[in-house]
Protein backbone atom coordinates (compact mmCIF):
# COMPACT_ATOMS: atom_id res chain seq x y z
CA MET A 1 0.00 0.00 0.00
CA ALA A 2 1.34 3.45 -0.91
CA PRO A 3 2.13 5.71 2.07
CA THR A 4 -0.12 8.67 2.73
CA ASP A 5 1.11 12.26 2.78
CA GLN A 6 1.08 12.27 6.57
CA GLU A 7 3.17 9.10 6.74
CA THR A 8 5.60 10.56 4.23
CA GLU A 9 6.02 13.66 6.31
CA VAL A 10 6.88 11.52 9.33
CA VAL A 11 9.46 9.42 7.48
CA GLN A 12 11.37 12.30 5.87
CA PRO A 13 12.76 13.88 9.08
CA THR A 14 13.96 10.44 10.25
CA GLU A 15 15.83 9.92 6.99
CA LEU A 16 17.18 13.45 7.20
CA ARG A 17 18.57 12.80 10.68
CA GLN A 18 20.23 9.62 9.44
CA ASP A 19 21.80 11.36 6.46
CA LEU A 20 22.86 14.45 8.43
CA PRO A 21 24.10 13.33 11.85
CA LEU A 22 24.62 16.04 14.43
CA PRO A 23 27.32 15.81 17.13
CA SER A 24 25.78 15.11 20.50
CA ASP A 25 28.88 15.17 22.69
CA PRO A 26 29.40 18.67 24.18
CA LYS A 27 33.15 18.05 24.33
CA VAL A 28 33.29 17.50 20.58
CA ILE A 29 31.38 20.73 19.91
CA PHE A 30 33.53 22.70 22.36
CA LEU A 31 36.83 21.35 21.00
CA GLY A 32 35.66 21.88 17.42
CA GLY A 33 34.82 25.51 18.17
CA LEU A 34 38.20 26.06 19.82
CA PHE A 35 39.93 24.50 16.82
CA VAL A 36 38.11 26.79 14.37
CA LEU A 37 38.94 29.86 16.47
CA ALA A 38 42.61 28.81 16.65
CA VAL A 39 42.76 28.37 12.86
CA LEU A 40 41.18 31.79 12.26
CA ALA A 41 43.53 33.46 14.75
CA ALA A 42 46.53 31.85 13.05
CA ALA A 43 45.21 32.96 9.65
CA TYR A 44 44.96 36.55 10.92
CA VAL A 45 48.33 36.69 12.67
CA ALA A 46 50.27 34.84 9.96
CA SER A 47 48.43 36.39 7.00
CA ASP A 48 51.71 37.05 5.15
CA ILE A 49 52.17 33.28 4.87
CA VAL A 50 48.61 31.94 5.02
CA LEU A 51 47.15 34.23 2.33
CA PRO A 52 49.68 33.25 -0.40
CA LEU A 53 49.23 29.60 0.63
CA VAL A 54 45.44 29.80 0.24
CA PHE A 55 45.85 31.55 -3.13
CA ALA A 56 48.26 28.81 -4.20
CA ILE A 57 45.85 26.04 -3.12
CA VAL A 58 42.95 27.62 -5.03
CA LEU A 59 45.12 28.08 -8.15
CA LYS A 60 46.38 24.50 -7.82
CA LEU A 61 42.83 23.17 -7.80
CA LEU A 62 42.01 25.36 -10.79
CA LEU A 63 45.05 24.17 -12.77
CA GLN A 64 44.86 20.51 -11.73
CA PRO A 65 42.80 19.31 -14.77
CA ALA A 66 45.22 20.99 -17.19
CA LEU A 67 48.16 19.48 -15.30
CA ARG A 68 46.69 15.99 -15.62
CA ILE A 69 46.24 16.50 -19.36
CA LEU A 70 49.86 17.58 -19.81
CA VAL A 71 51.14 14.70 -17.68
CA GLY A 72 48.96 12.34 -19.72
CA LEU A 73 50.78 13.59 -22.83
CA HIS A 74 54.00 12.22 -21.26
CA LEU A 75 55.28 15.67 -20.27
CA PRO A 76 57.36 15.58 -17.05
CA ARG A 77 55.36 16.87 -14.08
CA THR A 78 57.96 19.52 -13.23
CA ILE A 79 58.03 20.87 -16.80
CA ALA A 80 54.22 20.82 -16.98
CA SER A 81 53.97 22.74 -13.69
CA LEU A 82 56.44 25.37 -14.87
CA LEU A 83 54.59 25.70 -18.17
CA LEU A 84 51.24 26.24 -16.46
CA ILE A 85 52.71 28.81 -14.06
CA LEU A 86 54.34 30.68 -16.94
CA VAL A 87 51.09 30.71 -18.93
CA LEU A 88 49.01 31.82 -15.93
CA PHE A 89 51.24 34.61 -14.67
CA GLY A 90 52.28 35.57 -18.20
CA THR A 91 48.61 36.18 -18.94
CA ILE A 92 48.26 38.23 -15.76
CA VAL A 93 51.33 40.34 -16.56
CA GLY A 94 50.19 40.77 -20.17
CA LEU A 95 46.74 41.96 -19.13
CA GLY A 96 48.28 44.28 -16.54
CA THR A 97 50.51 45.80 -19.20
CA ALA A 98 47.62 46.13 -21.66
CA ILE A 99 45.30 47.91 -19.23
CA SER A 100 47.89 50.11 -17.51
CA GLY A 101 47.84 52.71 -20.30
CA PRO A 102 44.02 53.03 -20.55
CA ALA A 103 43.77 53.03 -16.75
CA ARG A 104 46.16 56.00 -16.56
CA THR A 105 44.16 57.79 -19.26
CA TRP A 106 40.90 57.38 -17.38
CA ALA A 107 42.57 58.38 -14.10
CA ALA A 108 43.79 61.59 -15.76
CA LYS A 109 40.35 62.17 -17.28
CA LEU A 110 38.52 61.83 -13.97
CA PRO A 111 39.61 65.17 -12.36
CA GLU A 112 38.55 67.02 -15.49
CA GLY A 113 35.20 65.26 -15.55
CA ILE A 114 34.31 65.83 -11.90
CA PRO A 115 32.62 69.22 -12.56
CA ARG A 116 30.65 67.59 -15.36
CA LEU A 117 29.59 64.75 -13.08
CA GLU A 118 28.60 67.21 -10.36
CA GLU A 119 26.47 69.12 -12.85
CA ARG A 120 24.71 66.01 -14.15
CA LEU A 121 24.25 64.56 -10.66
CA SER A 122 23.22 67.81 -9.00
CA PHE A 123 20.03 66.23 -7.66
CA MET A 124 22.23 64.02 -5.41
CA ARG A 125 24.36 66.87 -4.08
CA ALA A 126 22.26 67.56 -0.98
CA PRO A 127 22.18 63.98 0.41
CA ILE A 128 25.88 63.50 -0.40
CA ASN A 129 26.83 66.69 1.44
CA THR A 130 24.71 65.63 4.41
CA LEU A 131 26.39 62.23 4.51
CA GLN A 132 29.87 63.79 4.24
CA GLY A 133 29.10 66.20 7.08
CA PHE A 134 27.89 63.35 9.28
CA LEU A 135 31.00 61.29 8.55
CA HIS A 136 33.28 64.26 9.34
CA GLN A 137 31.50 64.78 12.65
CA VAL A 138 31.92 61.11 13.56
CA GLU A 139 35.58 61.20 12.54
CA ASP A 140 36.32 64.38 14.50
CA PHE A 141 34.39 63.31 17.60
CA GLY A 142 36.65 63.38 20.65
CA SER A 143 39.78 64.32 18.71
CA THR A 144 41.68 67.54 18.20
CA ARG A 145 42.09 68.62 14.60
CA PRO A 146 45.65 69.63 13.67
CA SER A 147 46.33 72.65 11.56
CA PRO A 148 46.35 72.02 7.78
CA ASN A 149 49.93 73.25 7.35
CA ALA A 150 51.28 71.07 10.13
CA GLY A 151 49.51 67.97 8.89
CA ALA A 152 50.40 68.23 5.19
CA PRO A 153 54.01 66.95 5.40
CA ALA A 154 52.99 64.12 7.72
CA LEU A 155 50.15 63.17 5.37
CA GLY A 156 52.45 63.06 2.37
CA SER A 157 55.00 61.01 4.28
CA THR A 158 52.29 58.60 5.40
CA LEU A 159 51.00 58.15 1.84
CA LEU A 160 54.49 57.45 0.50
CA THR A 161 55.18 55.00 3.32
CA ASN A 162 51.90 53.16 2.74
CA LEU A 163 52.53 53.03 -1.02
CA PHE A 164 56.05 51.63 -0.57
CA THR A 165 54.89 49.11 2.03
CA GLY A 166 51.98 47.99 -0.16
CA THR A 167 54.24 47.51 -3.19
CA ARG A 168 56.77 45.54 -1.13
CA ASN A 169 54.07 43.34 0.41
CA PHE A 170 52.55 42.67 -3.02
CA ALA A 171 55.90 41.63 -4.49
CA SER A 172 56.65 39.41 -1.51
CA GLY A 173 53.20 37.81 -1.59
CA PHE A 174 53.40 37.28 -5.36
CA PHE A 175 56.74 35.47 -5.08
CA THR A 176 55.52 33.35 -2.15
CA THR A 177 52.35 32.40 -4.05
CA VAL A 178 54.37 31.30 -7.10
CA LEU A 179 56.72 29.28 -4.89
CA PHE A 180 53.86 27.52 -3.07
CA LEU A 181 51.97 26.91 -6.32
CA PHE A 182 54.96 25.28 -8.02
CA PHE A 183 55.58 22.78 -5.22
CA LEU A 184 51.87 22.04 -4.80
CA LEU A 185 51.62 21.23 -8.51
CA VAL A 186 54.77 19.11 -8.49
CA SER A 187 54.05 17.13 -5.31
CA GLY A 188 50.55 18.10 -4.21
CA ASP A 189 49.37 14.47 -3.84
CA ILE A 190 52.08 13.56 -1.35
CA PHE A 191 49.83 14.29 1.65
CA VAL A 192 47.16 11.90 0.40
CA HIS A 193 49.78 9.22 -0.24
CA ARG A 194 51.21 9.55 3.26
CA LEU A 195 47.72 9.47 4.82
CA VAL A 196 46.88 6.31 2.89
CA GLU A 197 50.13 4.70 4.06
CA ILE A 198 49.50 5.30 7.77
CA LEU A 199 45.87 4.13 7.81
CA PRO A 200 45.67 0.56 9.14
CA ARG A 201 42.64 -0.75 7.21
CA PHE A 202 42.14 -1.12 3.48
CA SER A 203 38.59 0.26 3.67
CA GLY A 204 39.91 3.46 5.25
CA LYS A 205 42.62 3.78 2.59
CA ARG A 206 40.06 3.40 -0.19
CA GLN A 207 37.70 5.93 1.42
CA VAL A 208 40.47 8.53 1.71
CA VAL A 209 41.39 8.10 -1.95
CA GLU A 210 37.77 8.31 -3.10
CA ILE A 211 37.01 11.38 -0.99
CA SER A 212 40.19 13.22 -2.07
CA GLN A 213 39.52 12.49 -5.76
CA GLN A 214 35.87 13.55 -5.48
CA ILE A 215 36.71 16.75 -3.63
CA GLU A 216 39.42 17.63 -6.13
CA SER A 217 37.07 16.93 -9.04
CA ASP A 218 34.19 18.97 -7.60
CA VAL A 219 36.33 21.93 -6.55
CA SER A 220 38.18 22.00 -9.89
CA ALA A 221 34.86 21.87 -11.75
CA TYR A 222 33.47 24.70 -9.63
CA LEU A 223 36.52 26.96 -10.03
CA ALA A 224 36.83 26.26 -13.76
CA THR A 225 33.12 26.95 -14.32
CA ILE A 226 33.03 30.28 -12.50
CA THR A 227 36.28 31.33 -14.20
CA LEU A 228 34.83 30.56 -17.64
CA MET A 229 31.59 32.36 -16.78
CA ASN A 230 33.50 35.39 -15.51
CA ALA A 231 35.56 35.37 -18.70
CA GLY A 232 32.34 35.28 -20.70
CA VAL A 233 31.01 38.28 -18.78
CA GLY A 234 34.31 40.08 -19.37
CA ILE A 235 34.25 39.43 -23.13
CA ALA A 236 30.61 40.48 -23.42
CA THR A 237 31.29 43.65 -21.40
CA ALA A 238 34.34 44.48 -23.53
CA LEU A 239 32.25 44.20 -26.72
CA ALA A 240 29.49 46.30 -25.16
CA MET A 241 31.91 49.06 -24.15
CA TRP A 242 33.36 49.08 -27.67
CA LEU A 243 29.95 49.19 -29.37
CA THR A 244 28.57 51.89 -27.06
CA GLY A 245 31.55 54.17 -27.71
CA VAL A 246 33.09 54.06 -24.23
CA GLY A 247 36.30 52.58 -25.66
CA ASP A 248 39.16 50.65 -24.04
CA PRO A 249 37.39 47.26 -24.22
CA ILE A 250 40.34 45.33 -22.74
CA LEU A 251 40.31 47.53 -19.63
CA TRP A 252 36.56 47.25 -19.02
CA GLY A 253 36.47 43.54 -19.85
CA THR A 254 39.21 42.90 -17.29
CA VAL A 255 37.38 44.99 -14.68
CA ALA A 256 34.16 43.03 -15.26
CA PHE A 257 36.05 39.72 -15.12
CA LEU A 258 37.68 40.51 -11.77
CA LEU A 259 34.61 42.07 -10.14
CA ASN A 260 32.53 39.01 -10.96
CA TYR A 261 34.64 36.96 -8.54
CA VAL A 262 33.14 39.00 -5.68
CA PRO A 263 29.44 38.07 -5.51
CA ILE A 264 26.79 40.75 -4.98
CA LEU A 265 29.19 43.54 -4.00
CA GLY A 266 31.39 43.14 -7.10
CA PRO A 267 28.58 43.54 -9.67
CA ALA A 268 27.11 46.42 -7.64
CA LEU A 269 30.45 48.22 -7.78
CA GLY A 270 30.71 47.37 -11.48
CA VAL A 271 27.36 49.02 -12.22
CA LEU A 272 28.57 52.19 -10.47
CA ILE A 273 31.90 52.16 -12.37
CA PHE A 274 30.26 51.72 -15.78
CA LEU A 275 27.68 54.37 -14.92
CA LEU A 276 30.47 56.86 -14.20
CA ALA A 277 32.28 55.85 -17.39
CA GLY A 278 29.12 56.40 -19.42
CA LEU A 279 28.48 59.80 -17.83
CA LEU A 280 32.06 60.87 -18.58
CA THR A 281 31.81 59.73 -22.22
CA HIS A 282 28.33 60.60 -23.51
CA ASP A 283 26.13 63.68 -23.31
CA ALA A 284 22.78 62.00 -23.95
CA LEU A 285 21.39 60.45 -20.78
CA TRP A 286 20.25 57.20 -22.42
CA GLN A 287 23.69 56.69 -23.95
CA ALA A 288 25.33 57.34 -20.59
CA LEU A 289 23.10 54.76 -18.88
CA LEU A 290 23.49 52.14 -21.62
CA PRO A 291 26.93 50.71 -20.55
CA ALA A 292 25.81 50.16 -16.94
CA GLY A 293 22.50 48.69 -18.12
CA LEU A 294 24.20 46.24 -20.48
CA TYR A 295 26.68 45.15 -17.81
CA PHE A 296 23.84 44.61 -15.35
CA GLY A 297 21.97 42.56 -17.94
CA PHE A 298 25.03 40.38 -18.59
CA HIS A 299 25.40 39.78 -14.87
CA LEU A 300 21.74 38.80 -14.50
CA ILE A 301 21.97 36.32 -17.38
CA GLU A 302 25.16 34.80 -16.03
CA GLY A 303 24.37 34.86 -12.32
CA GLU A 304 20.71 33.85 -12.42
CA THR A 305 20.57 31.49 -15.40
CA VAL A 306 23.79 30.14 -16.90
CA THR A 307 26.00 29.55 -13.85
CA PRO A 308 23.26 27.94 -11.68
CA MET A 309 22.35 25.68 -14.61
CA LEU A 310 25.96 24.56 -15.07
CA LEU A 311 26.85 24.19 -11.40
CA ALA A 312 23.54 22.62 -10.40
CA ARG A 313 21.83 23.11 -7.07
CA ARG A 314 24.47 21.28 -5.03
CA PHE A 315 26.91 24.15 -5.55
CA THR A 316 24.54 26.96 -4.55
CA LEU A 317 25.34 28.79 -1.32
CA ASN A 318 23.31 30.53 1.34
CA PRO A 319 23.26 34.23 0.30
CA VAL A 320 23.31 35.43 3.92
CA LEU A 321 26.44 33.40 4.60
CA VAL A 322 27.97 34.69 1.37
CA ILE A 323 27.62 38.29 2.60
CA ILE A 324 28.92 37.38 6.05
CA SER A 325 31.89 35.60 4.45
CA LEU A 326 32.65 38.61 2.24
CA VAL A 327 32.64 41.04 5.16
CA PHE A 328 34.60 38.71 7.44
CA TRP A 329 37.40 37.88 4.99
CA PHE A 330 37.63 41.51 3.89
CA TRP A 331 38.24 42.36 7.55
CA MET A 332 40.80 39.54 7.78
CA TRP A 333 42.76 39.98 4.54
CA GLY A 334 41.38 43.02 2.71
CA VAL A 335 40.53 42.86 -1.01
CA PRO A 336 42.32 39.50 -1.56
CA GLY A 337 40.14 38.07 1.19
CA MET A 338 36.99 39.23 -0.60
CA ILE A 339 38.16 37.54 -3.82
CA LEU A 340 38.96 34.30 -1.99
CA SER A 341 35.86 34.27 0.22
CA MET A 342 33.55 32.70 -2.38
CA PRO A 343 35.96 29.92 -3.45
CA MET A 344 36.78 29.14 0.19
CA LEU A 345 33.10 28.97 1.12
CA ALA A 346 32.35 26.73 -1.86
CA ILE A 347 35.32 24.48 -1.06
CA THR A 348 34.14 24.21 2.55
CA LYS A 349 30.65 23.17 1.42
CA ILE A 350 31.99 20.59 -1.05
CA ILE A 351 34.25 19.05 1.59
CA CYS A 352 31.47 18.98 4.19
CA ASP A 353 29.09 17.33 1.71
CA ARG A 354 31.62 14.54 1.13
CA LEU A 355 32.47 13.91 4.81
CA GLN A 356 29.65 12.27 6.76
CA PRO A 357 30.42 13.89 10.16
CA LEU A 358 30.26 17.36 8.53
CA ALA A 359 27.23 16.72 6.29
CA ALA A 360 24.90 18.73 8.53
CA PHE A 361 27.16 21.78 8.32
CA GLY A 362 27.35 21.41 4.53
CA HIS A 363 23.53 21.33 4.38
CA PHE A 364 23.43 24.53 6.44
CA LEU A 365 25.72 26.23 3.87
CA GLU A 366 23.43 25.30 0.98
CA GLY A 367 21.38 27.98 -0.74
């Protein structure tokens, strides 16, 4: 006899509890929380090492399918790893060189276009001035304001110091990331091999191999898919900027490609950037709004239709947790943390879905 709706509703929670076991021992929960806090504290304190390592791990997972193809073509693993690193960072350097000139041109154009923007956005002047006044009051609350002449040299010195420190940190982090990435590509499976060797039972060895292969496959598929989709958005945006007369398609395509790695906040910032570019380029209002409108349309098509269809429901994430992750990792590591927050959250969900003790947490992360 077929079960009734009421019977079905009673059976489903039981099956759900069997599939998603929750820890019942308070000691396990307490020790797990302490472990997570210790890992986050170490990530914050040792960010100069941990951040390049996380970048290298994400890039390794992204490049792993290409590495397997090259190794399958009987290319030595070391040579294949060097080739992939040269192609990846050669592309980055090439794009940086290509967009540096247009970026300087637009940066020089911006001061001249500010009066024009103020004239066209005059209806927003009053709320902006109110907001600026409120922020100045909050900033000056409880502090003594130095004289402008006394603070100017210190301000210039501080800016130069921050610029030099930022450039040095970027160069150091770039070199560390390349170093980590090379050794992860050459001998990244050594940890799995050692874990298999120390496990006493054959069933445990087989489970470790299956889980590691499945996690690597899922994470690589996720990273490759979002990278291809972001590249598609970048190409479409570059063509749109060229057709609408804004110009510099390589610059705007690269901006759209990078911003699409930051969910929600990245596209919102992109709409604002393309709106300003349109206002600086065109006189007619509809022409000025067209670049931002096209970019927003591309993002809707990609984010709401194509990417969910390709990644399927198992890769969707809780939007509230996505925002929390963005804010948290931006506080931890700045802009690189925002870029890595989505891949790290997706990797965490994929790993939790494949490990039975963490299945409940993976279900909580699901969108």
